[in-house]
Amino acid sequence: MDSTAGLRERKKAETRQAVHEAALRLVIEHGLDNVTVEAIADAANISRRTFSNYFDGKEDALLYGDEQRLRGLVQRVREQPAGRSAWQSLHGALHDLYAEFGSTDRALLMRTRLAMRHPSLMARQFASRVRLESELSQAVAERLREGDPSPEMITVAFLTALRVATQWWCAEDETRTLRELADEALAQIAQPFA
């Protein structure tokens, strides 16, 4: 029974990823306003109804990769070695994420550039990040030491540095990697607290 449930969950994850990739490809090729849910469903070889089982709209399908990365960050914070501070755990989790996905992720770059050009995507991206910010703050709370700022402040400072680094990356035409820019932004934001 467990193997059937595991297979079912893997198939669902594969379908979500296929829909996300189809959405990203179509939006890059045709522009956000020229892509419909039906076109995405067709490109992913699923029905419109199946699409609706996975995503509320094309924006959610398009930004699915961002949500997965943030969920991965939360999990990796919890997996950091004991004894690391909250900030060290966040930084270590980010490096683990880069080791898995790379710091030159073209899909992330394209999603970010699209979101910067389309207010509807930016709003969806922001709403998703606020939901996941709470989960990340809970993971950070498990790492707090006496005298540390609140987990919410640590999380917001960390995510703000990542947002700024991503904006730099988008504007730089990739002369430096996102990892290099994130390390720079995190060092700058941590400086007053050192």
C-alpha atoms as a PDB file:
ATOM      1  CA  MET A   1       0.000   0.000   0.000  1.00  0.00           C
ATOM      2  CA  ASP A   2       2.823   2.415   0.863  1.00  0.00           C
ATOM      3  CA  SER A   3       4.533   1.856  -2.491  1.00  0.00           C
ATOM      4  CA  THR A   4       1.268   2.666  -4.299  1.00  0.00           C
ATOM      5  CA  ALA A   5       0.891   5.899  -2.324  1.00  0.00           C
ATOM      6  CA  GLY A   6       4.543   6.753  -2.977  1.00  0.00           C
ATOM      7  CA  LEU A   7       4.139   6.131  -6.708  1.00  0.00           C
ATOM      8  CA  ARG A   8       0.989   8.249  -6.783  1.00  0.00           C
ATOM      9  CA  GLU A   9       2.779  11.149  -5.065  1.00  0.00           C
ATOM     10  CA  ARG A  10       5.729  10.888  -7.467  1.00  0.00           C
ATOM     11  CA  LYS A  11       3.349  10.962 -10.436  1.00  0.00           C
ATOM     12  CA  LYS A  12       1.623  14.042  -9.019  1.00  0.00           C
ATOM     13  CA  ALA A  13       4.972  15.773  -8.517  1.00  0.00           C
ATOM     14  CA  GLU A  14       6.010  14.877 -12.081  1.00  0.00           C
ATOM     15  CA  THR A  15       2.744  16.267 -13.445  1.00  0.00           C
ATOM     16  CA  ARG A  16       3.123  19.511 -11.473  1.00  0.00           C
ATOM     17  CA  GLN A  17       6.670  19.883 -12.758  1.00  0.00           C
ATOM     18  CA  ALA A  18       5.616  19.164 -16.354  1.00  0.00           C
ATOM     19  CA  VAL A  19       2.836  21.763 -16.151  1.00  0.00           C
ATOM     20  CA  HIS A  20       5.247  24.286 -14.640  1.00  0.00           C
ATOM     21  CA  GLU A  21       7.817  23.693 -17.383  1.00  0.00           C
ATOM     22  CA  ALA A  22       5.159  23.965 -20.095  1.00  0.00           C
ATOM     23  CA  ALA A  23       3.884  27.224 -18.602  1.00  0.00           C
ATOM     24  CA  LEU A  24       7.367  28.707 -18.413  1.00  0.00           C
ATOM     25  CA  ARG A  25       8.247  27.651 -21.957  1.00  0.00           C
ATOM     26  CA  LEU A  26       5.017  29.024 -23.433  1.00  0.00           C
ATOM     27  CA  VAL A  27       5.205  32.310 -21.554  1.00  0.00           C
ATOM     28  CA  ILE A  28       8.798  32.849 -22.655  1.00  0.00           C
ATOM     29  CA  GLU A  29       7.856  32.074 -26.267  1.00  0.00           C
ATOM     30  CA  HIS A  30       4.543  33.957 -26.468  1.00  0.00           C
ATOM     31  CA  GLY A  31       4.334  36.341 -23.511  1.00  0.00           C
ATOM     32  CA  LEU A  32       2.189  36.030 -20.395  1.00  0.00           C
ATOM     33  CA  ASP A  33      -0.859  37.736 -21.867  1.00  0.00           C
ATOM     34  CA  ASN A  34      -0.879  35.449 -24.921  1.00  0.00           C
ATOM     35  CA  VAL A  35      -0.832  32.146 -23.020  1.00  0.00           C
ATOM     36  CA  THR A  36      -3.990  30.461 -21.774  1.00  0.00           C
ATOM     37  CA  VAL A  37      -4.526  27.706 -19.249  1.00  0.00           C
ATOM     38  CA  GLU A  38      -5.811  25.563 -22.114  1.00  0.00           C
ATOM     39  CA  ALA A  39      -2.569  26.048 -24.040  1.00  0.00           C
ATOM     40  CA  ILE A  40      -0.535  25.091 -20.987  1.00  0.00           C
ATOM     41  CA  ALA A  41      -2.679  22.001 -20.390  1.00  0.00           C
ATOM     42  CA  ASP A  42      -2.284  20.978 -24.035  1.00  0.00           C
ATOM     43  CA  ALA A  43       1.490  21.469 -23.908  1.00  0.00           C
ATOM     44  CA  ALA A  44       1.683  19.364 -20.731  1.00  0.00           C
ATOM     45  CA  ASN A  45      -0.555  16.718 -22.327  1.00  0.00           C
ATOM     46  CA  ILE A  46      -3.254  16.949 -19.643  1.00  0.00           C
ATOM     47  CA  SER A  47      -6.882  18.090 -19.589  1.00  0.00           C
ATOM     48  CA  ARG A  48      -8.048  21.497 -18.406  1.00  0.00           C
ATOM     49  CA  ARG A  49      -9.726  19.771 -15.480  1.00  0.00           C
ATOM     50  CA  THR A  50      -6.482  18.045 -14.509  1.00  0.00           C
ATOM     51  CA  PHE A  51      -4.713  21.414 -14.693  1.00  0.00           C
ATOM     52  CA  SER A  52      -7.260  22.777 -12.203  1.00  0.00           C
ATOM     53  CA  ASN A  53      -6.509  19.907  -9.835  1.00  0.00           C
ATOM     54  CA  TYR A  54      -2.931  21.139  -9.588  1.00  0.00           C
ATOM     55  CA  PHE A  55      -3.021  24.928 -10.027  1.00  0.00           C
ATOM     56  CA  ASP A  56      -5.506  27.775  -9.649  1.00  0.00           C
ATOM     57  CA  GLY A  57      -4.229  29.571 -12.741  1.00  0.00           C
ATOM     58  CA  LYS A  58      -1.367  30.088 -15.133  1.00  0.00           C
ATOM     59  CA  GLU A  59       0.449  32.385 -12.691  1.00  0.00           C
ATOM     60  CA  ASP A  60       0.532  29.648 -10.046  1.00  0.00           C
ATOM     61  CA  ALA A  61       1.802  27.122 -12.590  1.00  0.00           C
ATOM     62  CA  LEU A  62       4.460  29.531 -13.749  1.00  0.00           C
ATOM     63  CA  LEU A  63       5.713  30.309 -10.228  1.00  0.00           C
ATOM     64  CA  TYR A  64       5.639  26.724  -8.962  1.00  0.00           C
ATOM     65  CA  GLY A  65       9.437  26.473  -9.188  1.00  0.00           C
ATOM     66  CA  ASP A  66       9.868  29.403  -6.804  1.00  0.00           C
ATOM     67  CA  GLU A  67       7.572  27.798  -4.284  1.00  0.00           C
ATOM     68  CA  GLN A  68       9.484  24.520  -4.495  1.00  0.00           C
ATOM     69  CA  ARG A  69      12.816  26.267  -3.928  1.00  0.00           C
ATOM     70  CA  LEU A  70      11.504  28.040  -0.835  1.00  0.00           C
ATOM     71  CA  ARG A  71      10.022  24.821   0.528  1.00  0.00           C
ATOM     72  CA  GLY A  72      13.399  23.194  -0.084  1.00  0.00           C
ATOM     73  CA  LEU A  73      15.075  25.999   1.846  1.00  0.00           C
ATOM     74  CA  VAL A  74      12.785  25.423   4.843  1.00  0.00           C
ATOM     75  CA  GLN A  75      13.582  21.695   4.837  1.00  0.00           C
ATOM     76  CA  ARG A  76      17.318  22.309   4.520  1.00  0.00           C
ATOM     77  CA  VAL A  77      17.306  24.752   7.452  1.00  0.00           C
ATOM     78  CA  ARG A  78      15.836  21.997   9.598  1.00  0.00           C
ATOM     79  CA  GLU A  79      18.516  19.568   8.364  1.00  0.00           C
ATOM     80  CA  GLN A  80      21.473  21.791   9.267  1.00  0.00           C
ATOM     81  CA  PRO A  81      23.912  20.409  11.860  1.00  0.00           C
ATOM     82  CA  ALA A  82      23.135  21.027  15.509  1.00  0.00           C
ATOM     83  CA  GLY A  83      24.983  23.930  17.047  1.00  0.00           C
ATOM     84  CA  ARG A  84      24.630  26.267  14.088  1.00  0.00           C
ATOM     85  CA  SER A  85      22.983  29.597  14.752  1.00  0.00           C
ATOM     86  CA  ALA A  86      19.804  30.581  12.966  1.00  0.00           C
ATOM     87  CA  TRP A  87      21.754  32.779  10.512  1.00  0.00           C
ATOM     88  CA  GLN A  88      24.389  30.085   9.906  1.00  0.00           C
ATOM     89  CA  SER A  89      21.626  27.544   9.316  1.00  0.00           C
ATOM     90  CA  LEU A  90      19.910  29.797   6.764  1.00  0.00           C
ATOM     91  CA  HIS A  91      23.197  30.437   4.976  1.00  0.00           C
ATOM     92  CA  GLY A  92      24.149  26.740   5.035  1.00  0.00           C
ATOM     93  CA  ALA A  93      20.706  25.748   3.743  1.00  0.00           C
ATOM     94  CA  LEU A  94      21.056  28.221   0.880  1.00  0.00           C
ATOM     95  CA  HIS A  95      24.429  26.765  -0.089  1.00  0.00           C
ATOM     96  CA  ASP A  96      22.919  23.274   0.006  1.00  0.00           C
ATOM     97  CA  LEU A  97      20.157  24.492  -2.297  1.00  0.00           C
ATOM     98  CA  TYR A  98      22.709  25.933  -4.723  1.00  0.00           C
ATOM     99  CA  ALA A  99      24.623  22.653  -4.652  1.00  0.00           C
ATOM    100  CA  GLU A 100      21.459  20.863  -5.779  1.00  0.00           C
ATOM    101  CA  PHE A 101      19.998  23.361  -8.252  1.00  0.00           C
ATOM    102  CA  GLY A 102      23.024  25.438  -9.179  1.00  0.00           C
ATOM    103  CA  SER A 103      23.386  29.181  -8.885  1.00  0.00           C
ATOM    104  CA  THR A 104      22.900  29.880 -12.590  1.00  0.00           C
ATOM    105  CA  ASP A 105      19.394  28.422 -12.800  1.00  0.00           C
ATOM    106  CA  ARG A 106      17.996  29.787 -16.083  1.00  0.00           C
ATOM    107  CA  ALA A 107      14.403  28.964 -15.130  1.00  0.00           C
ATOM    108  CA  LEU A 108      14.728  31.008 -11.928  1.00  0.00           C
ATOM    109  CA  LEU A 109      16.202  33.888 -13.889  1.00  0.00           C
ATOM    110  CA  MET A 110      13.368  33.768 -16.432  1.00  0.00           C
ATOM    111  CA  ARG A 111      10.645  33.537 -13.751  1.00  0.00           C
ATOM    112  CA  THR A 112      12.147  36.466 -11.881  1.00  0.00           C
ATOM    113  CA  ARG A 113      12.428  38.624 -14.980  1.00  0.00           C
ATOM    114  CA  LEU A 114       8.842  37.774 -15.925  1.00  0.00           C
ATOM    115  CA  ALA A 115       7.589  38.636 -12.436  1.00  0.00           C
ATOM    116  CA  MET A 116       9.418  41.968 -12.541  1.00  0.00           C
ATOM    117  CA  ARG A 117       7.579  42.851 -15.777  1.00  0.00           C
ATOM    118  CA  HIS A 118       4.102  41.651 -14.788  1.00  0.00           C
ATOM    119  CA  PRO A 119       2.391  43.019 -11.670  1.00  0.00           C
ATOM    120  CA  SER A 120       0.018  40.027 -11.504  1.00  0.00           C
ATOM    121  CA  LEU A 121       2.963  37.631 -11.288  1.00  0.00           C
ATOM    122  CA  MET A 122       4.745  39.829  -8.767  1.00  0.00           C
ATOM    123  CA  ALA A 123       1.630  39.839  -6.571  1.00  0.00           C
ATOM    124  CA  ARG A 124       1.319  36.035  -6.766  1.00  0.00           C
ATOM    125  CA  GLN A 125       5.015  35.604  -6.056  1.00  0.00           C
ATOM    126  CA  PHE A 126       4.773  37.908  -3.050  1.00  0.00           C
ATOM    127  CA  ALA A 127       1.703  36.096  -1.646  1.00  0.00           C
ATOM    128  CA  SER A 128       3.439  32.730  -1.980  1.00  0.00           C
ATOM    129  CA  ARG A 129       6.561  34.023  -0.271  1.00  0.00           C
ATOM    130  CA  VAL A 130       4.587  35.459   2.640  1.00  0.00           C
ATOM    131  CA  ARG A 131       2.984  32.040   3.245  1.00  0.00           C
ATOM    132  CA  LEU A 132       6.345  30.295   3.140  1.00  0.00           C
ATOM    133  CA  GLU A 133       8.000  33.011   5.220  1.00  0.00           C
ATOM    134  CA  SER A 134       5.956  31.792   8.169  1.00  0.00           C
ATOM    135  CA  GLU A 135       7.209  28.218   7.693  1.00  0.00           C
ATOM    136  CA  LEU A 136      10.792  29.449   7.398  1.00  0.00           C
ATOM    137  CA  SER A 137      10.403  31.522  10.575  1.00  0.00           C
ATOM    138  CA  GLN A 138       9.275  28.379  12.407  1.00  0.00           C
ATOM    139  CA  ALA A 139      12.378  26.527  11.217  1.00  0.00           C
ATOM    140  CA  VAL A 140      14.553  29.476  12.266  1.00  0.00           C
ATOM    141  CA  ALA A 141      12.898  29.557  15.709  1.00  0.00           C
ATOM    142  CA  GLU A 142      14.291  26.075  16.345  1.00  0.00           C
ATOM    143  CA  ARG A 143      17.815  27.558  15.987  1.00  0.00           C
ATOM    144  CA  LEU A 144      17.499  30.684  18.126  1.00  0.00           C
ATOM    145  CA  ARG A 145      20.065  31.522  20.760  1.00  0.00           C
ATOM    146  CA  GLU A 146      19.622  33.862  23.694  1.00  0.00           C
ATOM    147  CA  GLY A 147      19.855  37.468  22.573  1.00  0.00           C
ATOM    148  CA  ASP A 148      19.027  36.722  18.926  1.00  0.00           C
ATOM    149  CA  PRO A 149      16.473  38.880  17.142  1.00  0.00           C
ATOM    150  CA  SER A 150      13.051  37.307  16.667  1.00  0.00           C
ATOM    151  CA  PRO A 151      12.814  34.496  14.111  1.00  0.00           C
ATOM    152  CA  GLU A 152      10.584  36.703  11.963  1.00  0.00           C
ATOM    153  CA  MET A 153      13.223  39.471  11.840  1.00  0.00           C
ATOM    154  CA  ILE A 154      16.008  37.025  10.985  1.00  0.00           C
ATOM    155  CA  THR A 155      13.860  35.460   8.256  1.00  0.00           C
ATOM    156  CA  VAL A 156      12.798  38.780   6.757  1.00  0.00           C
ATOM    157  CA  ALA A 157      16.390  40.077   6.740  1.00  0.00           C
ATOM    158  CA  PHE A 158      17.588  36.894   5.054  1.00  0.00           C
ATOM    159  CA  LEU A 159      14.825  36.846   2.426  1.00  0.00           C
ATOM    160  CA  THR A 160      15.276  40.548   1.725  1.00  0.00           C
ATOM    161  CA  ALA A 161      18.971  39.984   1.033  1.00  0.00           C
ATOM    162  CA  LEU A 162      18.039  37.149  -1.344  1.00  0.00           C
ATOM    163  CA  ARG A 163      15.487  39.337  -3.124  1.00  0.00           C
ATOM    164  CA  VAL A 164      18.048  42.104  -3.606  1.00  0.00           C
ATOM    165  CA  ALA A 165      20.671  39.622  -4.817  1.00  0.00           C
ATOM    166  CA  THR A 166      18.173  38.234  -7.328  1.00  0.00           C
ATOM    167  CA  GLN A 167      17.424  41.740  -8.592  1.00  0.00           C
ATOM    168  CA  TRP A 168      21.162  42.378  -9.001  1.00  0.00           C
ATOM    169  CA  TRP A 169      21.464  39.079 -10.866  1.00  0.00           C
ATOM    170  CA  CYS A 170      18.659  39.984 -13.247  1.00  0.00           C
ATOM    171  CA  ALA A 171      20.170  43.404 -13.933  1.00  0.00           C
ATOM    172  CA  GLU A 172      23.763  42.180 -14.354  1.00  0.00           C
ATOM    173  CA  ASP A 173      23.290  39.965 -17.389  1.00  0.00           C
ATOM    174  CA  GLU A 174      24.786  37.148 -15.346  1.00  0.00           C
ATOM    175  CA  THR A 175      28.351  38.411 -15.046  1.00  0.00           C
ATOM    176  CA  ARG A 176      28.351  36.906 -11.539  1.00  0.00           C
ATOM    177  CA  THR A 177      26.429  33.918 -10.252  1.00  0.00           C
ATOM    178  CA  LEU A 178      23.404  34.244  -8.042  1.00  0.00           C
ATOM    179  CA  ARG A 179      25.383  32.508  -5.307  1.00  0.00           C
ATOM    180  CA  GLU A 180      28.119  35.168  -5.442  1.00  0.00           C
ATOM    181  CA  LEU A 181      25.545  37.949  -5.346  1.00  0.00           C
ATOM    182  CA  ALA A 182      23.579  36.281  -2.539  1.00  0.00           C
ATOM    183  CA  ASP A 183      26.757  35.890  -0.464  1.00  0.00           C
ATOM    184  CA  GLU A 184      27.523  39.585  -1.006  1.00  0.00           C
ATOM    185  CA  ALA A 185      23.992  40.678  -0.075  1.00  0.00           C
ATOM    186  CA  LEU A 186      23.915  38.428   2.993  1.00  0.00           C
ATOM    187  CA  ALA A 187      27.298  39.763   4.147  1.00  0.00           C
ATOM    188  CA  GLN A 188      26.081  43.338   3.760  1.00  0.00           C
ATOM    189  CA  ILE A 189      22.824  42.763   5.627  1.00  0.00           C
ATOM    190  CA  ALA A 190      24.577  40.850   8.444  1.00  0.00           C
ATOM    191  CA  GLN A 191      27.315  43.460   8.897  1.00  0.00           C
ATOM    192  CA  PRO A 192      25.430  45.661  11.388  1.00  0.00           C
ATOM    193  CA  PHE A 193      24.604  42.592  13.500  1.00  0.00           C
ATOM    194  CA  ALA A 194      28.120  41.144  13.600  1.00  0.00           C
END
